[in-house]
PDB file of all heavy atoms in Angstrom:
ATOM      1  N   LEU A   1      -6.890 -23.230  10.836  1.00  0.00           N
ATOM      2  CA  LEU A   1      -8.313 -23.196  11.144  1.00  0.00           C
ATOM      3  C   LEU A   1      -9.100 -22.722   9.922  1.00  0.00           C
ATOM      4  O   LEU A   1      -8.563 -22.013   9.052  1.00  0.00           O
ATOM      5  CB  LEU A   1      -8.584 -22.242  12.310  1.00  0.00           C
ATOM      6  CG  LEU A   1      -7.923 -22.570  13.659  1.00  0.00           C
ATOM      7  CD1 LEU A   1      -8.162 -21.412  14.642  1.00  0.00           C
ATOM      8  CD2 LEU A   1      -8.455 -23.874  14.231  1.00  0.00           C
ATOM      9  N   THR A   2     -10.352 -23.095   9.875  1.00  0.00           N
ATOM     10  CA  THR A   2     -11.201 -22.557   8.809  1.00  0.00           C
ATOM     11  C   THR A   2     -11.542 -21.101   9.124  1.00  0.00           C
ATOM     12  O   THR A   2     -11.362 -20.631  10.255  1.00  0.00           O
ATOM     13  CB  THR A   2     -12.512 -23.354   8.686  1.00  0.00           C
ATOM     14  OG1 THR A   2     -13.286 -23.162   9.886  1.00  0.00           O
ATOM     15  CG2 THR A   2     -12.228 -24.838   8.486  1.00  0.00           C
ATOM     16  N   GLU A   3     -12.030 -20.421   8.138  1.00  0.00           N
ATOM     17  CA  GLU A   3     -12.406 -19.022   8.343  1.00  0.00           C
ATOM     18  C   GLU A   3     -13.502 -18.908   9.395  1.00  0.00           C
ATOM     19  O   GLU A   3     -13.498 -17.998  10.225  1.00  0.00           O
ATOM     20  CB  GLU A   3     -12.883 -18.425   7.022  1.00  0.00           C
ATOM     21  CG  GLU A   3     -13.127 -16.923   7.101  1.00  0.00           C
ATOM     22  CD  GLU A   3     -13.446 -16.313   5.740  1.00  0.00           C
ATOM     23  OE1 GLU A   3     -13.031 -16.887   4.714  1.00  0.00           O
ATOM     24  OE2 GLU A   3     -14.118 -15.253   5.725  1.00  0.00           O
ATOM     25  N   ALA A   4     -14.438 -19.877   9.395  1.00  0.00           N
ATOM     26  CA  ALA A   4     -15.531 -19.861  10.373  1.00  0.00           C
ATOM     27  C   ALA A   4     -15.003 -20.120  11.772  1.00  0.00           C
ATOM     28  O   ALA A   4     -15.439 -19.476  12.744  1.00  0.00           O
ATOM     29  CB  ALA A   4     -16.568 -20.921  10.000  1.00  0.00           C
ATOM     30  N   GLU A   5     -14.065 -21.067  11.894  1.00  0.00           N
ATOM     31  CA  GLU A   5     -13.482 -21.376  13.207  1.00  0.00           C
ATOM     32  C   GLU A   5     -12.711 -20.175  13.750  1.00  0.00           C
ATOM     33  O   GLU A   5     -12.782 -19.852  14.941  1.00  0.00           O
ATOM     34  CB  GLU A   5     -12.563 -22.593  13.102  1.00  0.00           C
ATOM     35  CG  GLU A   5     -13.293 -23.900  12.883  1.00  0.00           C
ATOM     36  CD  GLU A   5     -12.351 -25.048  12.588  1.00  0.00           C
ATOM     37  OE1 GLU A   5     -11.280 -24.796  11.974  1.00  0.00           O
ATOM     38  OE2 GLU A   5     -12.667 -26.186  12.951  1.00  0.00           O
ATOM     39  N   THR A   6     -11.990 -19.515  12.872  1.00  0.00           N
ATOM     40  CA  THR A   6     -11.234 -18.329  13.275  1.00  0.00           C
ATOM     41  C   THR A   6     -12.176 -17.232  13.751  1.00  0.00           C
ATOM     42  O   THR A   6     -11.975 -16.622  14.806  1.00  0.00           O
ATOM     43  CB  THR A   6     -10.377 -17.816  12.105  1.00  0.00           C
ATOM     44  OG1 THR A   6      -9.455 -18.827  11.707  1.00  0.00           O
ATOM     45  CG2 THR A   6      -9.627 -16.549  12.494  1.00  0.00           C
ATOM     46  N   SER A   7     -13.229 -17.004  12.978  1.00  0.00           N
ATOM     47  CA  SER A   7     -14.187 -15.954  13.317  1.00  0.00           C
ATOM     48  C   SER A   7     -14.873 -16.254  14.645  1.00  0.00           C
ATOM     49  O   SER A   7     -15.075 -15.347  15.467  1.00  0.00           O
ATOM     50  CB  SER A   7     -15.226 -15.832  12.198  1.00  0.00           C
ATOM     51  OG  SER A   7     -16.190 -14.856  12.518  1.00  0.00           O
ATOM     52  N   GLN A   8     -15.224 -17.526  14.865  1.00  0.00           N
ATOM     53  CA  GLN A   8     -15.905 -17.907  16.095  1.00  0.00           C
ATOM     54  C   GLN A   8     -15.010 -17.689  17.304  1.00  0.00           C
ATOM     55  O   GLN A   8     -15.460 -17.206  18.343  1.00  0.00           O
ATOM     56  CB  GLN A   8     -16.330 -19.380  16.022  1.00  0.00           C
ATOM     57  CG  GLN A   8     -17.041 -19.870  17.273  1.00  0.00           C
ATOM     58  CD  GLN A   8     -18.283 -19.063  17.622  1.00  0.00           C
ATOM     59  OE1 GLN A   8     -19.029 -18.649  16.726  1.00  0.00           O
ATOM     60  NE2 GLN A   8     -18.512 -18.813  18.906  1.00  0.00           N
ATOM     61  N   ARG A   9     -13.739 -18.027  17.189  1.00  0.00           N
ATOM     62  CA  ARG A   9     -12.801 -17.820  18.303  1.00  0.00           C
ATOM     63  C   ARG A   9     -12.700 -16.330  18.649  1.00  0.00           C
ATOM     64  O   ARG A   9     -12.665 -15.952  19.824  1.00  0.00           O
ATOM     65  CB  ARG A   9     -11.418 -18.375  17.946  1.00  0.00           C
ATOM     66  CG  ARG A   9     -11.323 -19.891  18.047  1.00  0.00           C
ATOM     67  CD  ARG A   9      -9.941 -20.369  17.602  1.00  0.00           C
ATOM     68  NE  ARG A   9      -9.833 -21.810  17.738  1.00  0.00           N
ATOM     69  CZ  ARG A   9      -9.167 -22.445  18.702  1.00  0.00           C
ATOM     70  NH1 ARG A   9      -8.542 -21.726  19.629  1.00  0.00           N
ATOM     71  NH2 ARG A   9      -9.108 -23.759  18.755  1.00  0.00           N
ATOM     72  N   ILE A  10     -12.619 -15.503  17.643  1.00  0.00           N
ATOM     73  CA  ILE A  10     -12.489 -14.064  17.883  1.00  0.00           C
ATOM     74  C   ILE A  10     -13.761 -13.528  18.547  1.00  0.00           C
ATOM     75  O   ILE A  10     -13.694 -12.759  19.521  1.00  0.00           O
ATOM     76  CB  ILE A  10     -12.204 -13.312  16.568  1.00  0.00           C
ATOM     77  CG1 ILE A  10     -10.817 -13.721  16.023  1.00  0.00           C
ATOM     78  CG2 ILE A  10     -12.255 -11.805  16.786  1.00  0.00           C
ATOM     79  CD1 ILE A  10     -10.523 -13.171  14.647  1.00  0.00           C
ATOM     80  N   LYS A  11     -14.930 -13.959  18.021  1.00  0.00           N
ATOM     81  CA  LYS A  11     -16.205 -13.491  18.581  1.00  0.00           C
ATOM     82  C   LYS A  11     -16.391 -13.935  20.030  1.00  0.00           C
ATOM     83  O   LYS A  11     -17.011 -13.230  20.831  1.00  0.00           O
ATOM     84  CB  LYS A  11     -17.359 -13.997  17.730  1.00  0.00           C
ATOM     85  CG  LYS A  11     -17.482 -13.297  16.382  1.00  0.00           C
ATOM     86  CD  LYS A  11     -18.648 -13.851  15.584  1.00  0.00           C
ATOM     87  CE  LYS A  11     -18.766 -13.147  14.239  1.00  0.00           C
ATOM     88  NZ  LYS A  11     -19.876 -13.725  13.420  1.00  0.00           N
ATOM     89  N   SER A  12     -15.858 -15.109  20.375  1.00  0.00           N
ATOM     90  CA  SER A  12     -16.014 -15.630  21.727  1.00  0.00           C
ATOM     91  C   SER A  12     -15.074 -14.966  22.730  1.00  0.00           C
ATOM     92  O   SER A  12     -15.141 -15.239  23.927  1.00  0.00           O
ATOM     93  CB  SER A  12     -15.768 -17.143  21.740  1.00  0.00           C
ATOM     94  OG  SER A  12     -14.399 -17.426  21.461  1.00  0.00           O
ATOM     95  N   GLY A  13     -14.192 -14.122  22.225  1.00  0.00           N
ATOM     96  CA  GLY A  13     -13.266 -13.411  23.113  1.00  0.00           C
ATOM     97  C   GLY A  13     -12.001 -14.180  23.422  1.00  0.00           C
ATOM     98  O   GLY A  13     -11.280 -13.848  24.382  1.00  0.00           O
ATOM     99  N   ALA A  14     -11.710 -15.192  22.615  1.00  0.00           N
ATOM    100  CA  ALA A  14     -10.489 -15.968  22.825  1.00  0.00           C
ATOM    101  C   ALA A  14      -9.267 -15.068  22.610  1.00  0.00           C
ATOM    102  O   ALA A  14      -9.222 -14.299  21.641  1.00  0.00           O
ATOM    103  CB  ALA A  14     -10.444 -17.146  21.857  1.00  0.00           C
ATOM    104  N   PRO A  15      -8.277 -15.133  23.484  1.00  0.00           N
ATOM    105  CA  PRO A  15      -7.069 -14.313  23.310  1.00  0.00           C
ATOM    106  C   PRO A  15      -6.360 -14.671  22.003  1.00  0.00           C
ATOM    107  O   PRO A  15      -6.294 -15.853  21.631  1.00  0.00           O
ATOM    108  CB  PRO A  15      -6.210 -14.686  24.521  1.00  0.00           C
ATOM    109  CG  PRO A  15      -7.155 -15.276  25.515  1.00  0.00           C
ATOM    110  CD  PRO A  15      -8.207 -15.959  24.707  1.00  0.00           C
ATOM    111  N   TYR A  16      -5.872 -13.674  21.347  1.00  0.00           N
ATOM    112  CA  TYR A  16      -5.150 -13.923  20.103  1.00  0.00           C
ATOM    113  C   TYR A  16      -4.102 -12.839  19.881  1.00  0.00           C
ATOM    114  O   TYR A  16      -4.111 -11.795  20.537  1.00  0.00           O
ATOM    115  CB  TYR A  16      -6.118 -13.959  18.910  1.00  0.00           C
ATOM    116  CG  TYR A  16      -6.698 -12.600  18.561  1.00  0.00           C
ATOM    117  CD1 TYR A  16      -6.021 -11.698  17.730  1.00  0.00           C
ATOM    118  CD2 TYR A  16      -7.930 -12.208  19.078  1.00  0.00           C
ATOM    119  CE1 TYR A  16      -6.550 -10.455  17.420  1.00  0.00           C
ATOM    120  CE2 TYR A  16      -8.465 -10.960  18.782  1.00  0.00           C
ATOM    121  CZ  TYR A  16      -7.770 -10.096  17.952  1.00  0.00           C
ATOM    122  OH  TYR A  16      -8.287  -8.860  17.653  1.00  0.00           O
ATOM    123  N   VAL A  17      -3.219 -13.120  18.950  1.00  0.00           N
ATOM    124  CA  VAL A  17      -2.293 -12.113  18.431  1.00  0.00           C
ATOM    125  C   VAL A  17      -2.347 -12.215  16.916  1.00  0.00           C
ATOM    126  O   VAL A  17      -2.819 -13.220  16.359  1.00  0.00           O
ATOM    127  CB  VAL A  17      -0.842 -12.336  18.920  1.00  0.00           C
ATOM    128  CG1 VAL A  17      -0.736 -12.192  20.424  1.00  0.00           C
ATOM    129  CG2 VAL A  17      -0.295 -13.687  18.459  1.00  0.00           C
ATOM    130  N   VAL A  18      -1.884 -11.165  16.261  1.00  0.00           N
ATOM    131  CA  VAL A  18      -1.743 -11.204  14.806  1.00  0.00           C
ATOM    132  C   VAL A  18      -0.248 -11.229  14.494  1.00  0.00           C
ATOM    133  O   VAL A  18       0.505 -10.378  14.969  1.00  0.00           O
ATOM    134  CB  VAL A  18      -2.412  -9.993  14.128  1.00  0.00           C
ATOM    135  CG1 VAL A  18      -2.194 -10.042  12.617  1.00  0.00           C
ATOM    136  CG2 VAL A  18      -3.894  -9.946  14.462  1.00  0.00           C
ATOM    137  N   ARG A  19       0.161 -12.238  13.732  1.00  0.00           N
ATOM    138  CA  ARG A  19       1.568 -12.407  13.371  1.00  0.00           C
ATOM    139  C   ARG A  19       1.792 -12.064  11.897  1.00  0.00           C
ATOM    140  O   ARG A  19       0.905 -12.238  11.050  1.00  0.00           O
ATOM    141  CB  ARG A  19       2.019 -13.848  13.618  1.00  0.00           C
ATOM    142  CG  ARG A  19       2.113 -14.236  15.095  1.00  0.00           C
ATOM    143  CD  ARG A  19       2.582 -15.682  15.253  1.00  0.00           C
ATOM    144  NE  ARG A  19       2.727 -16.066  16.651  1.00  0.00           N
ATOM    145  CZ  ARG A  19       3.826 -15.924  17.370  1.00  0.00           C
ATOM    146  NH1 ARG A  19       4.912 -15.386  16.807  1.00  0.00           N
ATOM    147  NH2 ARG A  19       3.867 -16.317  18.624  1.00  0.00           N
ATOM    148  N   PHE A  20       2.981 -11.596  11.601  1.00  0.00           N
ATOM    149  CA  PHE A  20       3.361 -11.323  10.225  1.00  0.00           C
ATOM    150  C   PHE A  20       3.715 -12.636   9.542  1.00  0.00           C
ATOM    151  O   PHE A  20       4.392 -13.483  10.125  1.00  0.00           O
ATOM    152  CB  PHE A  20       4.559 -10.373  10.190  1.00  0.00           C
ATOM    153  CG  PHE A  20       4.986  -9.992   8.803  1.00  0.00           C
ATOM    154  CD1 PHE A  20       4.173  -9.209   8.012  1.00  0.00           C
ATOM    155  CD2 PHE A  20       6.210 -10.420   8.290  1.00  0.00           C
ATOM    156  CE1 PHE A  20       4.559  -8.841   6.736  1.00  0.00           C
ATOM    157  CE2 PHE A  20       6.610 -10.061   7.010  1.00  0.00           C
ATOM    158  CZ  PHE A  20       5.777  -9.265   6.227  1.00  0.00           C
ATOM    159  N   LEU A  21       3.280 -12.803   8.321  1.00  0.00           N
ATOM    160  CA  LEU A  21       3.588 -14.010   7.559  1.00  0.00           C
ATOM    161  C   LEU A  21       4.907 -13.815   6.828  1.00  0.00           C
ATOM    162  O   LEU A  21       4.944 -13.293   5.712  1.00  0.00           O
ATOM    163  CB  LEU A  21       2.457 -14.307   6.576  1.00  0.00           C
ATOM    164  CG  LEU A  21       2.552 -15.641   5.829  1.00  0.00           C
ATOM    165  CD1 LEU A  21       2.342 -16.802   6.789  1.00  0.00           C
ATOM    166  CD2 LEU A  21       1.510 -15.697   4.704  1.00  0.00           C
ATOM    167  N   MET A  22       5.984 -14.213   7.478  1.00  0.00           N
ATOM    168  CA  MET A  22       7.307 -14.051   6.884  1.00  0.00           C
ATOM    169  C   MET A  22       7.495 -15.086   5.777  1.00  0.00           C
ATOM    170  O   MET A  22       7.318 -16.284   6.005  1.00  0.00           O
ATOM    171  CB  MET A  22       8.394 -14.215   7.955  1.00  0.00           C
ATOM    172  CG  MET A  22       9.805 -13.958   7.454  1.00  0.00           C
ATOM    173  SD  MET A  22      10.085 -12.249   6.894  1.00  0.00           S
ATOM    174  CE  MET A  22      10.018 -11.359   8.453  1.00  0.00           C
ATOM    175  N   PRO A  23       7.824 -14.657   4.565  1.00  0.00           N
ATOM    176  CA  PRO A  23       7.979 -15.617   3.456  1.00  0.00           C
ATOM    177  C   PRO A  23       9.196 -16.519   3.658  1.00  0.00           C
ATOM    178  O   PRO A  23      10.119 -16.192   4.394  1.00  0.00           O
ATOM    179  CB  PRO A  23       8.154 -14.711   2.241  1.00  0.00           C
ATOM    180  CG  PRO A  23       8.698 -13.434   2.792  1.00  0.00           C
ATOM    181  CD  PRO A  23       8.063 -13.278   4.141  1.00  0.00           C
ATOM    182  N   GLU A  24       9.156 -17.654   2.982  1.00  0.00           N
ATOM    183  CA  GLU A  24      10.259 -18.608   3.058  1.00  0.00           C
ATOM    184  C   GLU A  24      11.182 -18.452   1.857  1.00  0.00           C
ATOM    185  O   GLU A  24      10.734 -18.229   0.731  1.00  0.00           O
ATOM    186  CB  GLU A  24       9.696 -20.036   3.080  1.00  0.00           C
ATOM    187  CG  GLU A  24      10.750 -21.123   3.071  1.00  0.00           C
ATOM    188  CD  GLU A  24      10.163 -22.514   2.899  1.00  0.00           C
ATOM    189  OE1 GLU A  24       8.921 -22.631   2.835  1.00  0.00           O
ATOM    190  OE2 GLU A  24      10.949 -23.481   2.802  1.00  0.00           O
ATOM    191  N   GLY A  25      12.494 -18.531   2.112  1.00  0.00           N
ATOM    192  CA  GLY A  25      13.468 -18.601   1.029  1.00  0.00           C
ATOM    193  C   GLY A  25      13.646 -17.328   0.223  1.00  0.00           C
ATOM    194  O   GLY A  25      14.080 -17.373  -0.927  1.00  0.00           O
TER     195      GLY A  25
END
């Protein structure tokens, strides 16, 4: 998602979680 789309979802109260970005390899 774009930064604006992400921000809008959070502001609208959409359920979310924060995940750790596990590196590859």
